[in-house]
């Protein structure tokens, strides 16, 4: 992966995490696997990257975490979006779409 690819991935990680938490609470390993599977392997985040990001999101009040224990399974921390997280996601999603649209316009004008 090139340096530019790594920077794009780093910049989009928060948006990806927040959007996956929009539907329902998830744990870090689940988030990492979903990103990889939904991107057909183009994006992958190691759990050692996901958990510190989740901690920062929790510190900022965008997500809340709770420990859950189930019989025959290890204890897992599930994260949910807060009201502030939903508002932040909406703003980031709009910004991302505008950014992608602007990039596409520049690329298309090169081929005109």
C-alpha atoms as a PDB file:
ATOM      1  CA  UNK A   1       0.000   0.000   0.000  1.00  0.00           C
ATOM      2  CA  UNK A   2       1.435   3.389  -0.973  1.00  0.00           C
ATOM      3  CA  UNK A   3       1.910   6.267   1.451  1.00  0.00           C
ATOM      4  CA  UNK A   4      -0.996   8.127  -0.186  1.00  0.00           C
ATOM      5  CA  UNK A   5      -3.222   5.059   0.238  1.00  0.00           C
ATOM      6  CA  UNK A   6      -2.253   4.826   3.908  1.00  0.00           C
ATOM      7  CA  UNK A   7      -3.118   8.494   4.461  1.00  0.00           C
ATOM      8  CA  UNK A   8      -6.535   8.094   2.801  1.00  0.00           C
ATOM      9  CA  UNK A   9      -7.179   5.018   4.919  1.00  0.00           C
ATOM     10  CA  UNK A  10      -6.135   6.843   8.079  1.00  0.00           C
ATOM     11  CA  UNK A  11      -8.341   9.812   7.237  1.00  0.00           C
ATOM     12  CA  UNK A  12     -11.383   7.662   6.546  1.00  0.00           C
ATOM     13  CA  UNK A  13     -11.095   5.296   9.532  1.00  0.00           C
ATOM     14  CA  UNK A  14     -13.294   7.378  11.826  1.00  0.00           C
ATOM     15  CA  UNK A  15     -16.006   7.727   9.189  1.00  0.00           C
ATOM     16  CA  UNK A  16     -15.947   3.980   8.506  1.00  0.00           C
ATOM     17  CA  UNK A  17     -16.214   3.076  12.196  1.00  0.00           C
ATOM     18  CA  UNK A  18     -19.017   5.535  12.888  1.00  0.00           C
ATOM     19  CA  UNK A  19     -20.985   4.384   9.846  1.00  0.00           C
ATOM     20  CA  UNK A  20     -20.728   0.714  10.850  1.00  0.00           C
ATOM     21  CA  UNK A  21     -21.933   1.548  14.344  1.00  0.00           C
ATOM     22  CA  UNK A  22     -24.942   3.399  12.965  1.00  0.00           C
ATOM     23  CA  UNK A  23     -26.987   0.226  12.519  1.00  0.00           C
ATOM     24  CA  UNK A  24     -26.137  -1.529  15.782  1.00  0.00           C
ATOM     25  CA  UNK A  25     -23.507  -1.932  18.511  1.00  0.00           C
ATOM     26  CA  UNK A  26     -20.390  -3.845  17.496  1.00  0.00           C
ATOM     27  CA  UNK A  27     -17.068  -4.878  18.998  1.00  0.00           C
ATOM     28  CA  UNK A  28     -13.678  -3.997  17.569  1.00  0.00           C
ATOM     29  CA  UNK A  29     -12.895  -7.331  15.935  1.00  0.00           C
ATOM     30  CA  UNK A  30     -16.310  -7.307  14.236  1.00  0.00           C
ATOM     31  CA  UNK A  31     -15.631  -3.787  12.908  1.00  0.00           C
ATOM     32  CA  UNK A  32     -12.246  -4.810  11.500  1.00  0.00           C
ATOM     33  CA  UNK A  33     -13.722  -7.862   9.753  1.00  0.00           C
ATOM     34  CA  UNK A  34     -16.668  -5.891   8.336  1.00  0.00           C
ATOM     35  CA  UNK A  35     -14.409  -3.220   6.860  1.00  0.00           C
ATOM     36  CA  UNK A  36     -12.276  -5.863   5.209  1.00  0.00           C
ATOM     37  CA  UNK A  37     -15.196  -7.913   3.860  1.00  0.00           C
ATOM     38  CA  UNK A  38     -17.307  -4.969   2.658  1.00  0.00           C
ATOM     39  CA  UNK A  39     -14.316  -3.470   0.853  1.00  0.00           C
ATOM     40  CA  UNK A  40     -13.511  -6.847  -0.752  1.00  0.00           C
ATOM     41  CA  UNK A  41     -10.134  -6.777   1.002  1.00  0.00           C
ATOM     42  CA  UNK A  42      -9.135  -3.335  -0.308  1.00  0.00           C
ATOM     43  CA  UNK A  43      -9.225  -1.931   3.231  1.00  0.00           C
ATOM     44  CA  UNK A  44      -8.070  -3.678   6.335  1.00  0.00           C
ATOM     45  CA  UNK A  45      -7.508  -2.401   9.831  1.00  0.00           C
ATOM     46  CA  UNK A  46      -5.724  -4.457  12.435  1.00  0.00           C
ATOM     47  CA  UNK A  47      -7.468  -4.566  15.800  1.00  0.00           C
ATOM     48  CA  UNK A  48      -4.433  -2.795  17.292  1.00  0.00           C
ATOM     49  CA  UNK A  49      -5.509   0.192  15.165  1.00  0.00           C
ATOM     50  CA  UNK A  50      -9.259  -0.153  15.768  1.00  0.00           C
ATOM     51  CA  UNK A  51      -9.233  -0.249  19.585  1.00  0.00           C
ATOM     52  CA  UNK A  52      -7.202   2.948  20.132  1.00  0.00           C
ATOM     53  CA  UNK A  53      -9.484   4.705  17.625  1.00  0.00           C
ATOM     54  CA  UNK A  54     -12.563   3.462  19.494  1.00  0.00           C
ATOM     55  CA  UNK A  55     -11.047   4.733  22.754  1.00  0.00           C
ATOM     56  CA  UNK A  56     -10.497   8.187  21.202  1.00  0.00           C
ATOM     57  CA  UNK A  57     -14.058   8.221  19.840  1.00  0.00           C
ATOM     58  CA  UNK A  58     -15.328   7.315  23.298  1.00  0.00           C
ATOM     59  CA  UNK A  59     -13.251  10.085  24.905  1.00  0.00           C
ATOM     60  CA  UNK A  60     -14.785  12.572  22.451  1.00  0.00           C
ATOM     61  CA  UNK A  61     -18.300  11.381  23.337  1.00  0.00           C
ATOM     62  CA  UNK A  62     -19.046   9.991  19.851  1.00  0.00           C
ATOM     63  CA  UNK A  63     -19.428   6.387  20.988  1.00  0.00           C
ATOM     64  CA  UNK A  64     -20.111   4.653  24.238  1.00  0.00           C
ATOM     65  CA  UNK A  65     -18.777   1.247  25.166  1.00  0.00           C
ATOM     66  CA  UNK A  66     -20.100  -1.460  27.433  1.00  0.00           C
ATOM     67  CA  UNK A  67     -18.644  -4.798  28.430  1.00  0.00           C
ATOM     68  CA  UNK A  68     -20.691  -7.850  27.638  1.00  0.00           C
ATOM     69  CA  UNK A  69     -20.097 -11.393  28.797  1.00  0.00           C
ATOM     70  CA  UNK A  70     -21.699 -14.446  27.272  1.00  0.00           C
ATOM     71  CA  UNK A  71     -21.327 -18.059  28.395  1.00  0.00           C
ATOM     72  CA  UNK A  72     -18.511 -19.915  26.645  1.00  0.00           C
ATOM     73  CA  UNK A  73     -17.198 -16.673  25.106  1.00  0.00           C
ATOM     74  CA  UNK A  74     -14.634 -14.134  26.134  1.00  0.00           C
ATOM     75  CA  UNK A  75     -15.720 -10.775  27.455  1.00  0.00           C
ATOM     76  CA  UNK A  76     -16.145  -8.163  24.679  1.00  0.00           C
ATOM     77  CA  UNK A  77     -16.633  -4.421  24.657  1.00  0.00           C
ATOM     78  CA  UNK A  78     -19.490  -3.349  22.391  1.00  0.00           C
ATOM     79  CA  UNK A  79     -19.583   0.197  21.065  1.00  0.00           C
ATOM     80  CA  UNK A  80     -22.663   2.229  20.144  1.00  0.00           C
ATOM     81  CA  UNK A  81     -23.110   5.640  18.568  1.00  0.00           C
ATOM     82  CA  UNK A  82     -24.161   8.455  20.857  1.00  0.00           C
ATOM     83  CA  UNK A  83     -26.405  11.314  19.741  1.00  0.00           C
ATOM     84  CA  UNK A  84     -23.270  13.399  19.239  1.00  0.00           C
ATOM     85  CA  UNK A  85     -21.764  10.532  17.231  1.00  0.00           C
ATOM     86  CA  UNK A  86     -24.801  10.407  14.926  1.00  0.00           C
ATOM     87  CA  UNK A  87     -24.563  14.149  14.295  1.00  0.00           C
ATOM     88  CA  UNK A  88     -20.832  13.883  13.643  1.00  0.00           C
ATOM     89  CA  UNK A  89     -21.406  10.970  11.267  1.00  0.00           C
ATOM     90  CA  UNK A  90     -23.977  12.968   9.290  1.00  0.00           C
ATOM     91  CA  UNK A  91     -21.554  15.889   8.936  1.00  0.00           C
ATOM     92  CA  UNK A  92     -18.630  13.636   7.989  1.00  0.00           C
ATOM     93  CA  UNK A  93     -20.723  11.664   5.503  1.00  0.00           C
ATOM     94  CA  UNK A  94     -21.835  14.879   3.760  1.00  0.00           C
ATOM     95  CA  UNK A  95     -18.263  16.183   3.728  1.00  0.00           C
ATOM     96  CA  UNK A  96     -16.935  12.905   2.321  1.00  0.00           C
ATOM     97  CA  UNK A  97     -19.517  12.871  -0.483  1.00  0.00           C
ATOM     98  CA  UNK A  98     -18.652  16.464  -1.406  1.00  0.00           C
ATOM     99  CA  UNK A  99     -14.943  15.604  -1.385  1.00  0.00           C
ATOM    100  CA  UNK A 100     -15.431  12.548  -3.612  1.00  0.00           C
ATOM    101  CA  UNK A 101     -17.624  14.558  -5.995  1.00  0.00           C
ATOM    102  CA  UNK A 102     -14.963  17.311  -6.225  1.00  0.00           C
ATOM    103  CA  UNK A 103     -12.204  14.773  -6.916  1.00  0.00           C
ATOM    104  CA  UNK A 104     -14.329  13.140  -9.622  1.00  0.00           C
ATOM    105  CA  UNK A 105     -14.935  16.512 -11.268  1.00  0.00           C
ATOM    106  CA  UNK A 106     -11.207  17.240 -11.385  1.00  0.00           C
ATOM    107  CA  UNK A 107     -10.423  13.790 -12.781  1.00  0.00           C
ATOM    108  CA  UNK A 108     -13.178  14.045 -15.396  1.00  0.00           C
ATOM    109  CA  UNK A 109     -12.016  17.490 -16.531  1.00  0.00           C
ATOM    110  CA  UNK A 110      -8.569  16.025 -17.255  1.00  0.00           C
ATOM    111  CA  UNK A 111     -10.107  13.631 -19.760  1.00  0.00           C
ATOM    112  CA  UNK A 112     -12.308  16.231 -21.477  1.00  0.00           C
END
